[in-house]
């Protein structure tokens, strides 16, 4: 069973087919505090997105152009620093991810990262580069991330609190 808070007016609960209603209701009741916390977070992100304004198609075009200049530079900087190799870099507008790393060594980044403070972008770059050594989220993976980027936890917290607002700006 899982719960997803899609927006301030939409909470999605998924349960296996045939689950009795009372089991689902109990699950929702148990997660009530978490749901309330998530609704508050979504509301805060919506207000932040509104204050920053929507992104038009032309805005996105310019953001992608800037991202294609900035992100590869940051990847190269940290790759050299850490002695990590990679294959290709792809930059796209994604609606739910900041980055990913494929088993082939390709790195994918969300162009919206260039709208954020540079240390946030850098934290995502380091995170994805570290997947070249650890294709998981193990303790060894996070030890590697923190060795290269000591402020990672602070940046990751910022991204979790504020990142949703950037997705909400997409028209």
C-alpha atoms as a PDB file:
ATOM      1  CA  UNK A   1       0.000   0.000   0.000  1.00  0.00           C
ATOM      2  CA  UNK A   2       1.212   3.514  -0.650  1.00  0.00           C
ATOM      3  CA  UNK A   3       0.036   7.099  -0.379  1.00  0.00           C
ATOM      4  CA  UNK A   4       0.985   9.930  -2.710  1.00  0.00           C
ATOM      5  CA  UNK A   5       0.100  13.571  -2.108  1.00  0.00           C
ATOM      6  CA  UNK A   6      -0.267  14.871  -5.657  1.00  0.00           C
ATOM      7  CA  UNK A   7      -1.297  18.416  -4.756  1.00  0.00           C
ATOM      8  CA  UNK A   8      -3.184  20.323  -2.081  1.00  0.00           C
ATOM      9  CA  UNK A   9      -6.486  18.808  -3.260  1.00  0.00           C
ATOM     10  CA  UNK A  10      -5.404  15.302  -4.224  1.00  0.00           C
ATOM     11  CA  UNK A  11      -4.222  12.439  -2.039  1.00  0.00           C
ATOM     12  CA  UNK A  12      -3.837   9.132  -3.896  1.00  0.00           C
ATOM     13  CA  UNK A  13      -3.975   5.853  -1.977  1.00  0.00           C
ATOM     14  CA  UNK A  14      -2.973   2.668  -3.799  1.00  0.00           C
ATOM     15  CA  UNK A  15      -3.856  -0.716  -2.336  1.00  0.00           C
ATOM     16  CA  UNK A  16      -3.672  -4.218  -3.791  1.00  0.00           C
ATOM     17  CA  UNK A  17      -6.795  -5.420  -5.561  1.00  0.00           C
ATOM     18  CA  UNK A  18      -9.145  -7.099  -3.104  1.00  0.00           C
ATOM     19  CA  UNK A  19      -7.866  -5.234  -0.035  1.00  0.00           C
ATOM     20  CA  UNK A  20     -10.761  -4.766   2.392  1.00  0.00           C
ATOM     21  CA  UNK A  21     -11.823  -1.131   2.779  1.00  0.00           C
ATOM     22  CA  UNK A  22     -11.206  -1.175   6.544  1.00  0.00           C
ATOM     23  CA  UNK A  23      -7.550  -2.152   5.945  1.00  0.00           C
ATOM     24  CA  UNK A  24      -7.083   0.802   3.579  1.00  0.00           C
ATOM     25  CA  UNK A  25      -8.877   3.124   6.011  1.00  0.00           C
ATOM     26  CA  UNK A  26      -6.659   1.973   8.881  1.00  0.00           C
ATOM     27  CA  UNK A  27      -3.581   2.562   6.711  1.00  0.00           C
ATOM     28  CA  UNK A  28      -4.753   6.095   5.933  1.00  0.00           C
ATOM     29  CA  UNK A  29      -5.483   6.727   9.606  1.00  0.00           C
ATOM     30  CA  UNK A  30      -2.005   5.487  10.599  1.00  0.00           C
ATOM     31  CA  UNK A  31      -0.432   7.832   8.041  1.00  0.00           C
ATOM     32  CA  UNK A  32      -2.611  10.814   8.909  1.00  0.00           C
ATOM     33  CA  UNK A  33       0.214  12.884  10.454  1.00  0.00           C
ATOM     34  CA  UNK A  34       2.444  12.193   7.439  1.00  0.00           C
ATOM     35  CA  UNK A  35      -0.376  13.162   5.046  1.00  0.00           C
ATOM     36  CA  UNK A  36      -0.953  16.452   6.881  1.00  0.00           C
ATOM     37  CA  UNK A  37       2.780  17.201   6.796  1.00  0.00           C
ATOM     38  CA  UNK A  38       2.917  16.457   3.050  1.00  0.00           C
ATOM     39  CA  UNK A  39      -0.131  18.625   2.352  1.00  0.00           C
ATOM     40  CA  UNK A  40       1.561  21.526   4.160  1.00  0.00           C
ATOM     41  CA  UNK A  41       4.744  20.956   2.142  1.00  0.00           C
ATOM     42  CA  UNK A  42       2.789  20.917  -1.139  1.00  0.00           C
ATOM     43  CA  UNK A  43       0.978  24.111  -0.147  1.00  0.00           C
ATOM     44  CA  UNK A  44       4.290  25.816   0.669  1.00  0.00           C
ATOM     45  CA  UNK A  45       5.755  24.724  -2.665  1.00  0.00           C
ATOM     46  CA  UNK A  46       2.680  25.958  -4.531  1.00  0.00           C
ATOM     47  CA  UNK A  47       3.014  29.393  -2.912  1.00  0.00           C
ATOM     48  CA  UNK A  48       6.717  29.496  -3.766  1.00  0.00           C
ATOM     49  CA  UNK A  49       5.981  28.496  -7.382  1.00  0.00           C
ATOM     50  CA  UNK A  50       3.346  31.226  -7.640  1.00  0.00           C
ATOM     51  CA  UNK A  51       5.776  33.817  -6.282  1.00  0.00           C
ATOM     52  CA  UNK A  52       8.435  32.772  -8.849  1.00  0.00           C
ATOM     53  CA  UNK A  53       5.934  32.747 -11.707  1.00  0.00           C
ATOM     54  CA  UNK A  54       5.170  30.227 -14.447  1.00  0.00           C
ATOM     55  CA  UNK A  55       7.734  29.164 -17.040  1.00  0.00           C
ATOM     56  CA  UNK A  56       6.721  29.692 -20.651  1.00  0.00           C
ATOM     57  CA  UNK A  57       7.955  27.652 -23.607  1.00  0.00           C
ATOM     58  CA  UNK A  58      10.415  30.448 -24.406  1.00  0.00           C
ATOM     59  CA  UNK A  59      11.651  30.432 -20.801  1.00  0.00           C
ATOM     60  CA  UNK A  60      12.207  26.668 -21.007  1.00  0.00           C
ATOM     61  CA  UNK A  61      14.117  27.066 -24.278  1.00  0.00           C
ATOM     62  CA  UNK A  62      16.464  29.600 -22.665  1.00  0.00           C
ATOM     63  CA  UNK A  63      16.828  27.478 -19.514  1.00  0.00           C
ATOM     64  CA  UNK A  64      17.800  24.426 -21.597  1.00  0.00           C
ATOM     65  CA  UNK A  65      20.348  26.503 -23.511  1.00  0.00           C
ATOM     66  CA  UNK A  66      21.918  27.722 -20.275  1.00  0.00           C
ATOM     67  CA  UNK A  67      21.832  24.229 -18.748  1.00  0.00           C
ATOM     68  CA  UNK A  68      23.695  22.769 -21.733  1.00  0.00           C
ATOM     69  CA  UNK A  69      26.506  25.228 -21.019  1.00  0.00           C
ATOM     70  CA  UNK A  70      26.590  25.084 -17.215  1.00  0.00           C
ATOM     71  CA  UNK A  71      25.865  21.472 -16.264  1.00  0.00           C
ATOM     72  CA  UNK A  72      28.608  19.795 -18.352  1.00  0.00           C
ATOM     73  CA  UNK A  73      31.140  22.196 -16.807  1.00  0.00           C
ATOM     74  CA  UNK A  74      30.037  21.244 -13.292  1.00  0.00           C
ATOM     75  CA  UNK A  75      30.105  17.531 -14.175  1.00  0.00           C
ATOM     76  CA  UNK A  76      33.621  17.834 -15.579  1.00  0.00           C
ATOM     77  CA  UNK A  77      34.792  19.775 -12.513  1.00  0.00           C
ATOM     78  CA  UNK A  78      33.591  17.147 -10.030  1.00  0.00           C
ATOM     79  CA  UNK A  79      34.489  14.182 -12.241  1.00  0.00           C
ATOM     80  CA  UNK A  80      38.108  15.365 -12.389  1.00  0.00           C
ATOM     81  CA  UNK A  81      38.151  16.155  -8.679  1.00  0.00           C
ATOM     82  CA  UNK A  82      36.875  12.685  -7.749  1.00  0.00           C
ATOM     83  CA  UNK A  83      38.533  10.686 -10.523  1.00  0.00           C
ATOM     84  CA  UNK A  84      35.175   9.450 -11.836  1.00  0.00           C
ATOM     85  CA  UNK A  85      34.511   8.743 -15.502  1.00  0.00           C
ATOM     86  CA  UNK A  86      31.199   8.978 -17.318  1.00  0.00           C
ATOM     87  CA  UNK A  87      29.877   8.470 -20.825  1.00  0.00           C
ATOM     88  CA  UNK A  88      27.397  11.061 -22.134  1.00  0.00           C
ATOM     89  CA  UNK A  89      25.441  13.879 -20.529  1.00  0.00           C
ATOM     90  CA  UNK A  90      21.776  14.429 -21.360  1.00  0.00           C
ATOM     91  CA  UNK A  91      19.859  17.509 -20.288  1.00  0.00           C
ATOM     92  CA  UNK A  92      16.078  17.492 -20.432  1.00  0.00           C
ATOM     93  CA  UNK A  93      13.046  19.059 -18.852  1.00  0.00           C
ATOM     94  CA  UNK A  94      11.792  16.363 -16.508  1.00  0.00           C
ATOM     95  CA  UNK A  95       8.705  16.652 -14.363  1.00  0.00           C
ATOM     96  CA  UNK A  96       9.708  14.486 -11.431  1.00  0.00           C
ATOM     97  CA  UNK A  97      13.497  13.899 -11.397  1.00  0.00           C
ATOM     98  CA  UNK A  98      16.569  16.006 -10.909  1.00  0.00           C
ATOM     99  CA  UNK A  99      19.026  13.501 -12.286  1.00  0.00           C
ATOM    100  CA  UNK A 100      19.825   9.889 -12.995  1.00  0.00           C
ATOM    101  CA  UNK A 101      22.725   7.664 -13.996  1.00  0.00           C
ATOM    102  CA  UNK A 102      22.459   4.694 -16.346  1.00  0.00           C
ATOM    103  CA  UNK A 103      24.496   1.499 -16.128  1.00  0.00           C
ATOM    104  CA  UNK A 104      26.179   2.620 -19.377  1.00  0.00           C
ATOM    105  CA  UNK A 105      27.542   5.659 -17.551  1.00  0.00           C
ATOM    106  CA  UNK A 106      25.208   8.203 -19.088  1.00  0.00           C
ATOM    107  CA  UNK A 107      24.230  11.071 -16.813  1.00  0.00           C
ATOM    108  CA  UNK A 108      20.821  12.721 -17.096  1.00  0.00           C
ATOM    109  CA  UNK A 109      19.999  16.087 -15.557  1.00  0.00           C
ATOM    110  CA  UNK A 110      16.924  18.256 -15.292  1.00  0.00           C
ATOM    111  CA  UNK A 111      17.480  21.640 -16.949  1.00  0.00           C
ATOM    112  CA  UNK A 112      15.592  23.339 -14.091  1.00  0.00           C
ATOM    113  CA  UNK A 113      18.651  22.803 -11.878  1.00  0.00           C
ATOM    114  CA  UNK A 114      20.240  25.936 -13.374  1.00  0.00           C
ATOM    115  CA  UNK A 115      17.489  28.033 -11.767  1.00  0.00           C
ATOM    116  CA  UNK A 116      18.619  26.941  -8.301  1.00  0.00           C
ATOM    117  CA  UNK A 117      21.590  28.018  -6.212  1.00  0.00           C
ATOM    118  CA  UNK A 118      24.792  26.510  -7.647  1.00  0.00           C
ATOM    119  CA  UNK A 119      25.459  24.350  -4.581  1.00  0.00           C
ATOM    120  CA  UNK A 120      22.116  22.605  -5.161  1.00  0.00           C
ATOM    121  CA  UNK A 121      23.009  21.874  -8.779  1.00  0.00           C
ATOM    122  CA  UNK A 122      26.456  20.695  -7.655  1.00  0.00           C
ATOM    123  CA  UNK A 123      24.947  18.355  -5.065  1.00  0.00           C
ATOM    124  CA  UNK A 124      22.871  16.649  -7.774  1.00  0.00           C
ATOM    125  CA  UNK A 125      25.902  16.415 -10.073  1.00  0.00           C
ATOM    126  CA  UNK A 126      27.961  14.761  -7.336  1.00  0.00           C
ATOM    127  CA  UNK A 127      25.086  12.430  -6.439  1.00  0.00           C
ATOM    128  CA  UNK A 128      24.823  11.180 -10.022  1.00  0.00           C
ATOM    129  CA  UNK A 129      28.589  10.908 -10.495  1.00  0.00           C
ATOM    130  CA  UNK A 130      28.846   8.780  -7.354  1.00  0.00           C
ATOM    131  CA  UNK A 131      26.435   6.325  -8.924  1.00  0.00           C
ATOM    132  CA  UNK A 132      29.268   5.528 -11.325  1.00  0.00           C
ATOM    133  CA  UNK A 133      30.947   3.823  -8.351  1.00  0.00           C
ATOM    134  CA  UNK A 134      27.852   2.667  -6.457  1.00  0.00           C
ATOM    135  CA  UNK A 135      24.679   1.995  -8.461  1.00  0.00           C
ATOM    136  CA  UNK A 136      22.601   2.109  -5.279  1.00  0.00           C
ATOM    137  CA  UNK A 137      21.905   4.300  -2.257  1.00  0.00           C
ATOM    138  CA  UNK A 138      24.012   2.334   0.202  1.00  0.00           C
ATOM    139  CA  UNK A 139      26.050   3.717   3.061  1.00  0.00           C
ATOM    140  CA  UNK A 140      29.157   3.428   0.863  1.00  0.00           C
ATOM    141  CA  UNK A 141      27.396   5.534  -1.783  1.00  0.00           C
ATOM    142  CA  UNK A 142      26.532   8.312   0.682  1.00  0.00           C
ATOM    143  CA  UNK A 143      29.999   8.172   2.257  1.00  0.00           C
ATOM    144  CA  UNK A 144      31.419   8.809  -1.225  1.00  0.00           C
ATOM    145  CA  UNK A 145      28.990  11.673  -1.865  1.00  0.00           C
ATOM    146  CA  UNK A 146      29.855  13.314   1.470  1.00  0.00           C
ATOM    147  CA  UNK A 147      33.581  12.875   0.892  1.00  0.00           C
ATOM    148  CA  UNK A 148      33.320  14.826  -2.362  1.00  0.00           C
ATOM    149  CA  UNK A 149      30.562  17.233  -1.295  1.00  0.00           C
ATOM    150  CA  UNK A 150      30.401  17.704   2.500  1.00  0.00           C
ATOM    151  CA  UNK A 151      27.313  19.980   2.327  1.00  0.00           C
ATOM    152  CA  UNK A 152      25.262  17.338   0.494  1.00  0.00           C
ATOM    153  CA  UNK A 153      22.781  16.707   3.327  1.00  0.00           C
ATOM    154  CA  UNK A 154      21.985  20.410   3.663  1.00  0.00           C
ATOM    155  CA  UNK A 155      21.492  20.750  -0.109  1.00  0.00           C
ATOM    156  CA  UNK A 156      19.412  17.593  -0.351  1.00  0.00           C
ATOM    157  CA  UNK A 157      17.141  18.902   2.414  1.00  0.00           C
ATOM    158  CA  UNK A 158      16.759  22.210   0.544  1.00  0.00           C
ATOM    159  CA  UNK A 159      15.903  20.342  -2.652  1.00  0.00           C
ATOM    160  CA  UNK A 160      13.281  18.214  -0.888  1.00  0.00           C
ATOM    161  CA  UNK A 161      11.702  21.301   0.679  1.00  0.00           C
ATOM    162  CA  UNK A 162      11.838  23.607  -2.351  1.00  0.00           C
ATOM    163  CA  UNK A 163      12.335  21.486  -5.467  1.00  0.00           C
ATOM    164  CA  UNK A 164       8.652  20.762  -5.969  1.00  0.00           C
ATOM    165  CA  UNK A 165       8.020  24.459  -6.526  1.00  0.00           C
ATOM    166  CA  UNK A 166      10.210  24.382  -9.637  1.00  0.00           C
ATOM    167  CA  UNK A 167       8.195  21.498 -11.121  1.00  0.00           C
ATOM    168  CA  UNK A 168       4.979  23.406 -10.396  1.00  0.00           C
ATOM    169  CA  UNK A 169       6.206  26.344 -12.516  1.00  0.00           C
ATOM    170  CA  UNK A 170       6.018  24.316 -15.720  1.00  0.00           C
ATOM    171  CA  UNK A 171       2.927  25.359 -17.685  1.00  0.00           C
END
